Amino acid sequence: MHRRRVLTATAILLLTALGGCADDAVKAVPFGESDSVACRAVADHWPARVGDLEPRVTAVQSRGVAAWGDPPVVARCGKQPLGPTEDPCIDINGIDWVATTLDDGGTMFTTYGRTPAIEVLVPAAYDSAPLRLPAFTEAASQIEQTLGRCTAATG
């Protein structure tokens, strides 16, 4: 199951890299819950910038998907919450994030203990991936942490 998650995230990043769309919009597949009430609240608080990365237009009709930079950092709301995992879990500004290394060297960060979850895909081109997560604190805090803390995921 874990392997399938990694391949899915890699495929999403590949879609963004191979797009070839005339308007250069970032392509990413929204989760089924991307347009839920909770994800609309998250989308209202997507960061204006992620570090020094400017926002990008996405090629999907979902406010629950956003992107910044080239190559794009892609954020998607609406993911099913994670269960227990052996992947590293970090607390950034009170938000628990599980870090999963992708096959292509990028990192998938997923909020832990919140439903729906938020996923942030950071390409390998950015060597300071955890330093980009503080930009998502306000968006992630729109979803209450009711399913446990980080230590429960890794303990």
Protein backbone atom coordinates (compact mmCIF):
# COMPACT_ATOMS: atom_id res chain seq x y z
CA MET A 1 0.00 0.00 0.00
CA HIS A 2 2.78 2.43 0.92
CA ARG A 3 4.57 1.77 -2.40
CA ARG A 4 1.41 2.60 -4.38
CA ARG A 5 1.17 5.99 -2.59
CA VAL A 6 4.75 6.85 -3.60
CA LEU A 7 4.17 5.91 -7.22
CA THR A 8 0.93 7.93 -7.34
CA ALA A 9 2.68 11.06 -6.05
CA THR A 10 5.50 10.56 -8.54
CA ALA A 11 2.97 10.26 -11.35
CA ILE A 12 1.38 13.57 -10.31
CA LEU A 13 4.76 15.28 -10.45
CA LEU A 14 5.38 13.71 -13.86
CA LEU A 15 2.10 15.12 -15.13
CA THR A 16 3.27 18.58 -14.14
CA ALA A 17 6.64 18.15 -15.83
CA LEU A 18 5.35 16.62 -19.06
CA GLY A 19 2.37 18.94 -19.45
CA GLY A 20 3.35 20.77 -22.63
CA CYS A 21 0.21 22.87 -22.29
CA ALA A 22 0.33 26.12 -24.25
CA ASP A 23 -0.57 28.17 -21.19
CA ASP A 24 2.07 26.41 -19.03
CA ALA A 25 -0.55 25.53 -16.40
CA VAL A 26 0.44 22.94 -13.79
CA LYS A 27 -1.49 19.68 -14.15
CA ALA A 28 -2.35 17.78 -10.98
CA VAL A 29 -5.17 15.40 -10.19
CA PRO A 30 -7.46 16.69 -7.40
CA PHE A 31 -8.54 14.37 -4.61
CA GLY A 32 -12.24 13.48 -4.42
CA GLU A 33 -12.69 15.80 -1.42
CA SER A 34 -10.77 18.73 -2.97
CA ASP A 35 -13.90 20.86 -3.24
CA SER A 36 -15.38 19.98 0.16
CA VAL A 37 -16.29 22.74 2.61
CA ALA A 38 -13.10 22.01 4.58
CA CYS A 39 -10.89 22.22 1.48
CA ARG A 40 -12.53 25.44 0.33
CA ALA A 41 -11.57 26.92 3.73
CA VAL A 42 -8.02 25.65 3.20
CA ALA A 43 -7.93 27.12 -0.32
CA ASP A 44 -8.93 30.52 1.06
CA HIS A 45 -5.64 30.41 2.99
CA TRP A 46 -3.22 28.98 0.42
CA PRO A 47 -0.01 31.04 0.73
CA ALA A 48 0.60 33.93 -1.68
CA ARG A 49 4.18 32.67 -2.03
CA VAL A 50 6.06 29.59 -0.89
CA GLY A 51 9.46 30.96 0.10
CA ASP A 52 10.65 32.74 -3.01
CA LEU A 53 8.33 30.75 -5.31
CA GLU A 54 5.58 32.60 -7.17
CA PRO A 55 2.09 31.07 -7.61
CA ARG A 56 1.35 29.10 -10.77
CA VAL A 57 -1.90 28.57 -12.63
CA THR A 58 -3.25 25.03 -12.32
CA ALA A 59 -5.06 23.22 -15.12
CA VAL A 60 -7.81 21.85 -12.87
CA GLN A 61 -11.17 23.27 -11.86
CA SER A 62 -10.54 22.81 -8.15
CA ARG A 63 -9.59 25.41 -5.57
CA GLY A 64 -8.23 22.56 -3.47
CA VAL A 65 -5.19 22.31 -5.77
CA ALA A 66 -2.50 24.99 -5.94
CA ALA A 67 1.08 25.29 -7.20
CA TRP A 68 4.12 27.54 -6.86
CA GLY A 69 7.45 27.76 -8.70
CA ASP A 70 9.16 25.93 -11.55
CA PRO A 71 9.44 23.02 -11.05
CA PRO A 72 6.18 23.34 -9.17
CA VAL A 73 5.56 22.68 -5.51
CA VAL A 74 2.02 21.26 -5.64
CA ALA A 75 -0.46 21.33 -2.74
CA ARG A 76 -3.70 19.36 -2.74
CA CYS A 77 -6.39 19.21 -0.10
CA GLY A 78 -8.82 16.31 0.26
CA LYS A 79 -6.50 13.36 0.79
CA GLN A 80 -7.65 10.51 3.02
CA PRO A 81 -5.99 10.79 6.44
CA LEU A 82 -2.89 8.72 7.03
CA GLY A 83 -2.84 5.82 9.44
CA PRO A 84 0.17 4.73 11.48
CA THR A 85 3.40 4.95 9.50
CA GLU A 86 7.14 4.44 9.85
CA ASP A 87 7.84 7.57 7.77
CA PRO A 88 9.35 10.52 9.65
CA CYS A 89 6.88 12.89 11.22
CA ILE A 90 7.68 16.50 12.04
CA ASP A 91 5.85 19.31 13.79
CA ILE A 92 6.04 22.66 11.99
CA ASN A 93 4.25 25.50 13.80
CA GLY A 94 1.86 23.05 15.48
CA ILE A 95 1.01 21.21 12.26
CA ASP A 96 2.09 17.56 12.08
CA TRP A 97 3.53 16.52 8.69
CA VAL A 98 4.57 13.02 7.57
CA ALA A 99 7.49 13.10 5.11
CA THR A 100 7.65 10.41 2.44
CA THR A 101 10.63 10.27 0.08
CA LEU A 102 9.52 9.74 -3.51
CA ASP A 103 11.23 7.50 -6.05
CA ASP A 104 12.42 10.56 -8.00
CA GLY A 105 14.08 12.15 -4.94
CA GLY A 106 11.26 14.59 -4.18
CA THR A 107 9.31 14.60 -0.93
CA MET A 108 5.60 14.21 -0.25
CA PHE A 109 4.48 15.91 2.96
CA THR A 110 1.04 14.95 4.30
CA THR A 111 -0.70 16.46 7.29
CA TYR A 112 -1.24 13.95 10.07
CA GLY A 113 -4.29 13.81 12.34
CA ARG A 114 -6.52 15.99 10.15
CA THR A 115 -9.38 14.97 7.90
CA PRO A 116 -9.27 15.64 5.09
CA ALA A 117 -5.49 15.72 4.85
CA ILE A 118 -3.37 18.14 2.85
CA GLU A 119 -0.53 16.89 0.66
CA VAL A 120 2.41 19.05 -0.45
CA LEU A 121 4.67 17.62 -3.16
CA VAL A 122 8.15 19.16 -3.20
CA PRO A 123 10.40 18.28 -6.16
CA ALA A 124 13.97 17.12 -5.54
CA ALA A 125 15.20 20.40 -7.09
CA TYR A 126 14.44 22.07 -3.74
CA ASP A 127 16.90 20.83 -1.15
CA SER A 128 15.23 22.65 1.76
CA ALA A 129 11.79 21.01 1.53
CA PRO A 130 10.91 21.27 5.26
CA LEU A 131 11.69 24.98 5.17
CA ARG A 132 8.80 25.46 2.72
CA LEU A 133 6.16 23.95 5.02
CA PRO A 134 5.72 27.01 7.29
CA ALA A 135 4.02 28.71 4.33
CA PHE A 136 1.19 26.17 4.67
CA THR A 137 0.57 26.64 8.42
CA GLU A 138 -2.42 28.95 8.04
CA ALA A 139 -4.04 26.77 5.36
CA ALA A 140 -3.51 23.52 7.29
CA SER A 141 -4.77 25.04 10.54
CA GLN A 142 -8.21 25.47 8.91
CA ILE A 143 -8.71 21.72 9.51
CA GLU A 144 -8.84 20.73 13.16
CA GLN A 145 -6.43 18.04 14.35
CA THR A 146 -8.79 15.42 15.74
CA LEU A 147 -7.15 12.12 14.77
CA GLY A 148 -4.10 12.13 17.02
CA ARG A 149 -0.67 13.67 17.04
CA CYS A 150 2.54 13.01 15.17
CA THR A 151 4.04 10.92 17.94
CA ALA A 152 1.12 8.49 17.62
CA ALA A 153 1.97 8.04 13.92
CA THR A 154 5.61 7.16 14.44
CA GLY A 155 5.68 5.77 17.97
